[in-house]
């Protein structure tokens, strides 16, 4: 336990730039935070997931640790009925105000909060490899050669090489719909781009629903804490004839409700809502990259140049370098020649 706390503390210090990598333990924490291959694979978690748990235990440790150091006793905060009122009320209020898709979306996106970044640099390199194969096939064999890839992606040799992209139904539908329009040739590039923007706006609005629902729950938790506190005061009124020490315990128990509501709102639900929003933003950035590549291809740019346009839209923290993209495309070209 002591070693875990030391590693967590070192990792937080490295993240904030307070600690240099001057010994093996600090170097290990730095490797975890930066996602370096050796340590992160051995520990089994990425830098973002490490950050989540550091934050989680940091909030709990800071609040409860400060309380204990001030002379408080943790048993005084243990009031399950109040926790039931606050957490139960907030959760079921979220159920009332959210669709089933939104509720499922909270669970779906939360796993990426735990696992880390949804789309890493390798994810974008795979995307560029996939798009290159589509663009190159359309340029070499004509757009009609892509009909089978568009109409039956599950049976397409190109799609099957990239199962992560194939199983992402948003990406699959988006790419197939736009390429189908290009094959039909009925719209110009500006009309296609406007249509893509409408679809992306709709998708982004839907993707933000889980974080919005979680933020609404966070906003309501302090109010449920007040509800629990008021109910505690009502119960206390029934003991008004008791000695001051009894009344003090009852009032203290009532005030715990306010404490729990505020802590859950600003220490947990609010930050989780922000993390869910980041997942939605990552999803949107991935689709914008695809849109940029498709628009460049429709305008007649060479596949390599179309992919470079898309690369420039990738968030800087996961953006592959020009050299990495060029090397990957060379590998794809070599595999195509070998299979051909």
Protein backbone atom coordinates (compact mmCIF):
# COMPACT_ATOMS: atom_id res chain seq x y z
CA UNK A 1 0.00 0.00 0.00
CA UNK A 2 2.83 2.35 0.90
CA UNK A 3 4.56 1.59 -2.42
CA UNK A 4 1.36 2.31 -4.35
CA UNK A 5 0.90 5.65 -2.62
CA UNK A 6 4.54 6.54 -3.25
CA UNK A 7 4.24 5.70 -6.96
CA UNK A 8 1.00 7.67 -7.21
CA UNK A 9 2.58 10.65 -5.49
CA UNK A 10 5.64 10.48 -7.73
CA UNK A 11 3.43 10.23 -10.80
CA UNK A 12 1.42 13.30 -9.77
CA UNK A 13 4.61 15.23 -9.10
CA UNK A 14 6.01 14.29 -12.50
CA UNK A 15 2.75 15.24 -14.19
CA UNK A 16 2.96 18.68 -12.59
CA UNK A 17 6.68 19.00 -13.33
CA UNK A 18 7.77 19.10 -9.67
CA UNK A 19 9.88 15.93 -9.70
CA UNK A 20 12.81 15.02 -11.92
CA UNK A 21 13.36 11.47 -13.15
CA UNK A 22 16.39 11.07 -10.85
CA UNK A 23 15.75 7.55 -9.57
CA UNK A 24 14.24 4.30 -10.78
CA UNK A 25 10.91 4.75 -8.99
CA UNK A 26 10.36 8.23 -10.41
CA UNK A 27 11.38 6.99 -13.86
CA UNK A 28 8.76 4.27 -13.59
CA UNK A 29 6.08 6.83 -12.71
CA UNK A 30 7.21 9.01 -15.62
CA UNK A 31 7.04 6.04 -17.98
CA UNK A 32 3.48 5.31 -16.89
CA UNK A 33 2.39 8.91 -17.27
CA UNK A 34 3.97 9.27 -20.70
CA UNK A 35 2.69 5.92 -21.90
CA UNK A 36 6.15 4.53 -22.65
CA UNK A 37 5.96 1.00 -23.93
CA UNK A 38 7.97 -0.97 -21.37
CA UNK A 39 6.37 0.15 -18.13
CA UNK A 40 2.82 0.86 -19.32
CA UNK A 41 2.51 -2.60 -20.89
CA UNK A 42 3.81 -4.26 -17.73
CA UNK A 43 1.46 -2.37 -15.41
CA UNK A 44 -1.42 -2.80 -17.86
CA UNK A 45 -2.78 0.73 -17.82
CA UNK A 46 -2.22 3.85 -19.86
CA UNK A 47 -1.34 7.34 -18.75
CA UNK A 48 -4.93 8.62 -18.85
CA UNK A 49 -6.26 5.75 -16.74
CA UNK A 50 -3.44 6.33 -14.24
CA UNK A 51 -4.41 9.99 -14.15
CA UNK A 52 -8.04 9.09 -13.44
CA UNK A 53 -7.19 6.91 -10.45
CA UNK A 54 -4.66 9.41 -9.12
CA UNK A 55 -7.38 12.05 -9.24
CA UNK A 56 -9.99 9.75 -7.69
CA UNK A 57 -7.86 8.71 -4.72
CA UNK A 58 -6.45 12.22 -4.48
CA UNK A 59 -9.92 13.71 -3.95
CA UNK A 60 -10.84 11.08 -1.35
CA UNK A 61 -7.48 11.30 0.42
CA UNK A 62 -7.38 15.11 0.48
CA UNK A 63 -10.91 15.58 1.80
CA UNK A 64 -11.01 12.75 4.33
CA UNK A 65 -7.35 13.18 5.27
CA UNK A 66 -7.86 16.84 6.03
CA UNK A 67 -10.95 16.00 8.06
CA UNK A 68 -9.09 13.42 10.15
CA UNK A 69 -6.09 15.72 10.65
CA UNK A 70 -8.48 18.37 11.96
CA UNK A 71 -9.61 16.00 14.70
CA UNK A 72 -12.63 14.42 13.05
CA UNK A 73 -13.60 10.75 13.11
CA UNK A 74 -14.57 8.95 9.91
CA UNK A 75 -17.37 7.07 11.68
CA UNK A 76 -19.13 10.42 12.14
CA UNK A 77 -19.53 10.63 8.35
CA UNK A 78 -21.03 7.16 8.01
CA UNK A 79 -24.75 7.66 7.44
CA UNK A 80 -26.03 5.20 4.80
CA UNK A 81 -29.62 6.54 4.79
CA UNK A 82 -28.41 10.00 3.76
CA UNK A 83 -26.21 8.51 1.05
CA UNK A 84 -29.26 6.61 -0.18
CA UNK A 85 -31.30 9.82 -0.33
CA UNK A 86 -28.61 11.80 -2.17
CA UNK A 87 -27.12 9.24 -4.56
CA UNK A 88 -30.37 7.37 -5.15
CA UNK A 89 -32.34 10.53 -5.78
CA UNK A 90 -29.74 11.91 -8.18
CA UNK A 91 -29.38 8.65 -10.13
CA UNK A 92 -33.11 8.13 -10.58
CA UNK A 93 -33.55 11.80 -11.50
CA UNK A 94 -30.99 11.17 -14.27
CA UNK A 95 -33.06 8.15 -15.38
CA UNK A 96 -36.20 10.31 -15.58
CA UNK A 97 -34.54 13.03 -17.61
CA UNK A 98 -32.49 10.88 -20.03
CA UNK A 99 -33.25 8.52 -22.88
CA UNK A 100 -32.08 4.92 -22.75
CA UNK A 101 -29.53 5.69 -25.47
CA UNK A 102 -28.07 8.43 -23.29
CA UNK A 103 -27.92 6.16 -20.23
CA UNK A 104 -26.20 3.44 -22.27
CA UNK A 105 -23.89 6.11 -23.70
CA UNK A 106 -22.70 7.02 -20.20
CA UNK A 107 -21.56 3.45 -19.62
CA UNK A 108 -20.10 3.16 -23.13
CA UNK A 109 -18.05 6.36 -22.87
CA UNK A 110 -17.04 5.82 -19.24
CA UNK A 111 -14.96 2.79 -20.21
CA UNK A 112 -12.80 5.13 -22.29
CA UNK A 113 -12.43 7.40 -19.26
CA UNK A 114 -10.96 4.38 -17.45
CA UNK A 115 -8.97 2.98 -20.38
CA UNK A 116 -7.57 6.29 -21.59
CA UNK A 117 -7.60 8.07 -24.94
CA UNK A 118 -10.13 6.59 -27.36
CA UNK A 119 -8.11 7.36 -30.48
CA UNK A 120 -4.33 7.21 -30.17
CA UNK A 121 -1.66 7.95 -32.78
CA UNK A 122 -1.77 4.36 -34.01
CA UNK A 123 -5.54 4.65 -34.46
CA UNK A 124 -5.02 7.56 -36.86
CA UNK A 125 -2.27 5.74 -38.74
CA UNK A 126 -4.66 2.82 -39.25
CA UNK A 127 -7.32 5.25 -40.46
CA UNK A 128 -4.93 6.82 -42.96
CA UNK A 129 -3.89 3.38 -44.21
CA UNK A 130 -7.54 2.43 -44.68
CA UNK A 131 -8.42 5.64 -46.51
CA UNK A 132 -5.34 5.35 -48.70
CA UNK A 133 -6.44 1.91 -49.89
CA UNK A 134 -9.91 3.23 -50.73
CA UNK A 135 -8.63 6.35 -52.49
CA UNK A 136 -5.97 4.44 -54.40
CA UNK A 137 -8.45 1.81 -55.57
CA UNK A 138 -10.88 4.48 -56.75
CA UNK A 139 -8.14 6.32 -58.59
CA UNK A 140 -6.64 3.22 -60.25
CA UNK A 141 -9.77 1.24 -61.07
CA UNK A 142 -12.42 3.96 -61.16
CA UNK A 143 -15.05 4.87 -58.60
CA UNK A 144 -17.39 2.11 -59.77
CA UNK A 145 -14.84 -0.39 -58.45
CA UNK A 146 -15.68 0.83 -54.93
CA UNK A 147 -19.37 -0.09 -55.17
CA UNK A 148 -18.93 -3.43 -53.42
CA UNK A 149 -16.79 -1.83 -50.71
CA UNK A 150 -19.50 0.76 -50.13
CA UNK A 151 -22.59 -1.45 -50.38
CA UNK A 152 -21.19 -4.48 -48.52
CA UNK A 153 -18.33 -3.30 -46.29
CA UNK A 154 -18.49 -6.49 -44.20
CA UNK A 155 -17.42 -8.47 -47.29
CA UNK A 156 -14.80 -5.96 -48.46
CA UNK A 157 -11.15 -7.02 -48.30
CA UNK A 158 -10.17 -3.43 -47.50
CA UNK A 159 -12.61 -3.06 -44.60
CA UNK A 160 -11.72 -6.50 -43.21
CA UNK A 161 -8.09 -5.42 -42.80
CA UNK A 162 -9.23 -2.81 -40.26
CA UNK A 163 -11.75 -4.44 -37.88
CA UNK A 164 -11.72 -1.52 -35.43
CA UNK A 165 -12.89 0.82 -38.20
CA UNK A 166 -15.36 -1.73 -39.60
CA UNK A 167 -17.01 -2.18 -36.20
CA UNK A 168 -17.33 1.58 -35.64
CA UNK A 169 -20.77 2.01 -37.20
CA UNK A 170 -20.59 5.81 -37.18
CA UNK A 171 -17.39 5.76 -39.23
CA UNK A 172 -18.62 2.97 -41.50
CA UNK A 173 -21.90 4.72 -42.31
CA UNK A 174 -20.23 8.10 -42.74
CA UNK A 175 -17.55 6.85 -45.17
CA UNK A 176 -19.92 4.64 -47.16
CA UNK A 177 -22.57 7.35 -47.52
CA UNK A 178 -20.11 9.96 -48.79
CA UNK A 179 -18.36 7.58 -51.19
CA UNK A 180 -21.75 6.48 -52.49
CA UNK A 181 -22.59 10.11 -53.26
CA UNK A 182 -19.23 10.50 -55.01
CA UNK A 183 -19.90 7.38 -57.09
CA UNK A 184 -23.29 8.72 -58.16
CA UNK A 185 -21.65 12.07 -59.00
CA UNK A 186 -24.80 14.14 -58.51
CA UNK A 187 -23.43 16.77 -56.10
CA UNK A 188 -20.50 19.17 -56.25
CA UNK A 189 -17.89 19.33 -53.53
CA UNK A 190 -19.46 22.30 -51.71
CA UNK A 191 -22.83 20.57 -51.49
CA UNK A 192 -21.18 17.40 -50.22
CA UNK A 193 -19.23 19.34 -47.60
CA UNK A 194 -22.40 21.08 -46.39
CA UNK A 195 -24.12 17.70 -46.12
CA UNK A 196 -21.17 16.30 -44.17
CA UNK A 197 -21.22 19.27 -41.78
CA UNK A 198 -24.90 18.69 -41.03
CA UNK A 199 -24.27 15.02 -40.29
CA UNK A 200 -21.26 15.79 -38.09
CA UNK A 201 -23.21 18.44 -36.16
CA UNK A 202 -25.98 15.92 -35.52
CA UNK A 203 -23.50 13.28 -34.41
CA UNK A 204 -21.67 15.71 -32.13
CA UNK A 205 -24.93 16.79 -30.50
CA UNK A 206 -25.83 13.16 -29.80
CA UNK A 207 -22.32 12.33 -28.58
CA UNK A 208 -22.52 15.12 -25.97
CA UNK A 209 -25.77 13.82 -24.45
CA UNK A 210 -24.08 11.47 -21.92
CA UNK A 211 -21.79 14.21 -20.58
CA UNK A 212 -24.71 16.64 -20.46
CA UNK A 213 -26.81 14.18 -18.45
CA UNK A 214 -23.94 13.57 -16.03
CA UNK A 215 -23.40 17.31 -15.64
CA UNK A 216 -27.10 17.77 -14.86
CA UNK A 217 -26.78 15.12 -12.17
CA UNK A 218 -23.72 16.92 -10.78
CA UNK A 219 -25.69 20.17 -10.67
CA UNK A 220 -28.50 18.46 -8.75
CA UNK A 221 -26.40 16.63 -6.16
CA UNK A 222 -25.91 19.65 -3.82
CA UNK A 223 -29.69 20.15 -3.84
CA UNK A 224 -30.24 16.52 -2.88
CA UNK A 225 -27.66 17.07 -0.12
CA UNK A 226 -29.81 19.93 1.18
CA UNK A 227 -32.87 17.67 1.01
CA UNK A 228 -31.08 15.10 3.16
CA UNK A 229 -29.95 17.82 5.58
CA UNK A 230 -33.48 19.24 5.93
CA UNK A 231 -34.88 15.77 6.55
CA UNK A 232 -32.20 15.33 9.21
CA UNK A 233 -33.25 18.58 10.86
CA UNK A 234 -36.87 17.43 10.82
CA UNK A 235 -35.82 14.25 12.63
CA UNK A 236 -33.76 16.34 15.06
CA UNK A 237 -36.86 18.35 15.99
CA UNK A 238 -38.28 15.19 17.46
CA UNK A 239 -35.43 15.14 19.96
CA UNK A 240 -35.67 18.83 20.95
CA UNK A 241 -36.06 17.94 24.63
CA UNK A 242 -32.89 15.85 24.67
CA UNK A 243 -29.57 17.09 26.14
CA UNK A 244 -27.32 19.32 24.00
CA UNK A 245 -24.87 16.50 23.26
CA UNK A 246 -27.66 14.42 21.72
CA UNK A 247 -28.95 17.36 19.69
CA UNK A 248 -25.40 18.11 18.56
CA UNK A 249 -24.99 14.60 17.16
CA UNK A 250 -28.32 14.82 15.35
CA UNK A 251 -27.52 18.22 13.83
CA UNK A 252 -24.07 16.98 12.82
CA UNK A 253 -25.62 13.98 11.12
CA UNK A 254 -27.98 16.27 9.23
CA UNK A 255 -25.09 18.45 8.03
CA UNK A 256 -23.33 15.38 6.64
CA UNK A 257 -26.00 15.36 3.93
CA UNK A 258 -24.89 18.76 2.66
CA UNK A 259 -21.25 17.65 2.79
CA UNK A 260 -21.89 14.45 0.84
CA UNK A 261 -23.97 16.20 -1.80
CA UNK A 262 -21.36 18.85 -2.48
CA UNK A 263 -18.47 16.32 -2.44
CA UNK A 264 -20.20 13.97 -4.89
CA UNK A 265 -21.07 16.88 -7.19
CA UNK A 266 -17.73 18.66 -7.40
CA UNK A 267 -15.37 15.80 -6.54
CA UNK A 268 -16.82 13.03 -8.70
CA UNK A 269 -19.86 13.65 -10.90
CA UNK A 270 -18.67 16.99 -12.31
CA UNK A 271 -15.17 15.79 -13.26
CA UNK A 272 -16.61 12.60 -14.75
CA UNK A 273 -18.98 14.72 -16.86
CA UNK A 274 -15.97 16.68 -18.15
CA UNK A 275 -14.14 13.45 -18.93
CA UNK A 276 -17.16 12.12 -20.85
CA UNK A 277 -17.24 15.36 -22.83
CA UNK A 278 -13.58 14.84 -23.75
CA UNK A 279 -14.46 11.39 -25.11
CA UNK A 280 -17.15 12.96 -27.31
CA UNK A 281 -14.69 15.61 -28.50
CA UNK A 282 -12.18 12.90 -29.45
CA UNK A 283 -14.87 11.14 -31.44
CA UNK A 284 -15.71 14.39 -33.22
CA UNK A 285 -12.05 15.07 -34.06
CA UNK A 286 -11.74 11.58 -35.58
CA UNK A 287 -14.74 12.19 -37.86
CA UNK A 288 -13.50 15.67 -38.85
CA UNK A 289 -10.21 14.08 -39.92
CA UNK A 290 -12.14 11.63 -42.11
CA UNK A 291 -14.24 14.46 -43.55
CA UNK A 292 -11.13 16.48 -44.46
CA UNK A 293 -9.54 13.51 -46.23
CA UNK A 294 -12.74 12.72 -48.15
CA UNK A 295 -13.20 16.34 -49.26
CA UNK A 296 -9.60 16.49 -50.50
CA UNK A 297 -10.09 13.24 -52.40
CA UNK A 298 -13.32 14.48 -53.98
CA UNK A 299 -11.49 17.63 -55.08
CA UNK A 300 -9.02 15.44 -56.98
CA UNK A 301 -5.93 15.54 -54.78
CA UNK A 302 -3.55 12.59 -54.82
CA UNK A 303 -4.20 10.09 -51.97
CA UNK A 304 -0.98 11.07 -50.14
CA UNK A 305 -1.89 14.75 -50.24
CA UNK A 306 -5.49 14.07 -49.18
CA UNK A 307 -4.21 12.20 -46.13
CA UNK A 308 -1.82 15.04 -45.31
CA UNK A 309 -4.77 17.43 -45.25
CA UNK A 310 -6.48 15.11 -42.77
CA UNK A 311 -3.32 14.73 -40.67
CA UNK A 312 -3.25 18.47 -40.03
CA UNK A 313 -6.67 18.29 -38.34
CA UNK A 314 -5.59 15.60 -35.84
CA UNK A 315 -5.22 16.86 -32.22
CA UNK A 316 -1.57 17.63 -31.59
CA UNK A 317 -1.22 15.22 -28.67
CA UNK A 318 -1.89 12.19 -30.92
CA UNK A 319 -1.01 13.59 -34.37
CA UNK A 320 1.42 11.37 -36.31
CA UNK A 321 4.39 13.16 -37.81
CA UNK A 322 4.74 13.52 -41.55
CA UNK A 323 7.54 10.95 -41.46
CA UNK A 324 5.41 8.43 -39.57
CA UNK A 325 2.55 8.84 -42.04
CA UNK A 326 4.89 8.58 -45.02
CA UNK A 327 6.50 5.43 -43.63
CA UNK A 328 3.10 3.83 -43.01
CA UNK A 329 1.88 4.61 -46.53
CA UNK A 330 5.08 3.11 -47.96
CA UNK A 331 4.35 -0.07 -46.01
CA UNK A 332 0.77 -0.12 -47.34
CA UNK A 333 2.00 0.37 -50.90
CA UNK A 334 4.51 -2.46 -50.49
CA UNK A 335 1.82 -4.81 -49.16
CA UNK A 336 -0.48 -3.92 -52.08
CA UNK A 337 2.27 -4.65 -54.62
CA UNK A 338 3.13 -7.90 -52.87
CA UNK A 339 -0.49 -9.10 -52.81
CA UNK A 340 -1.02 -7.92 -56.40
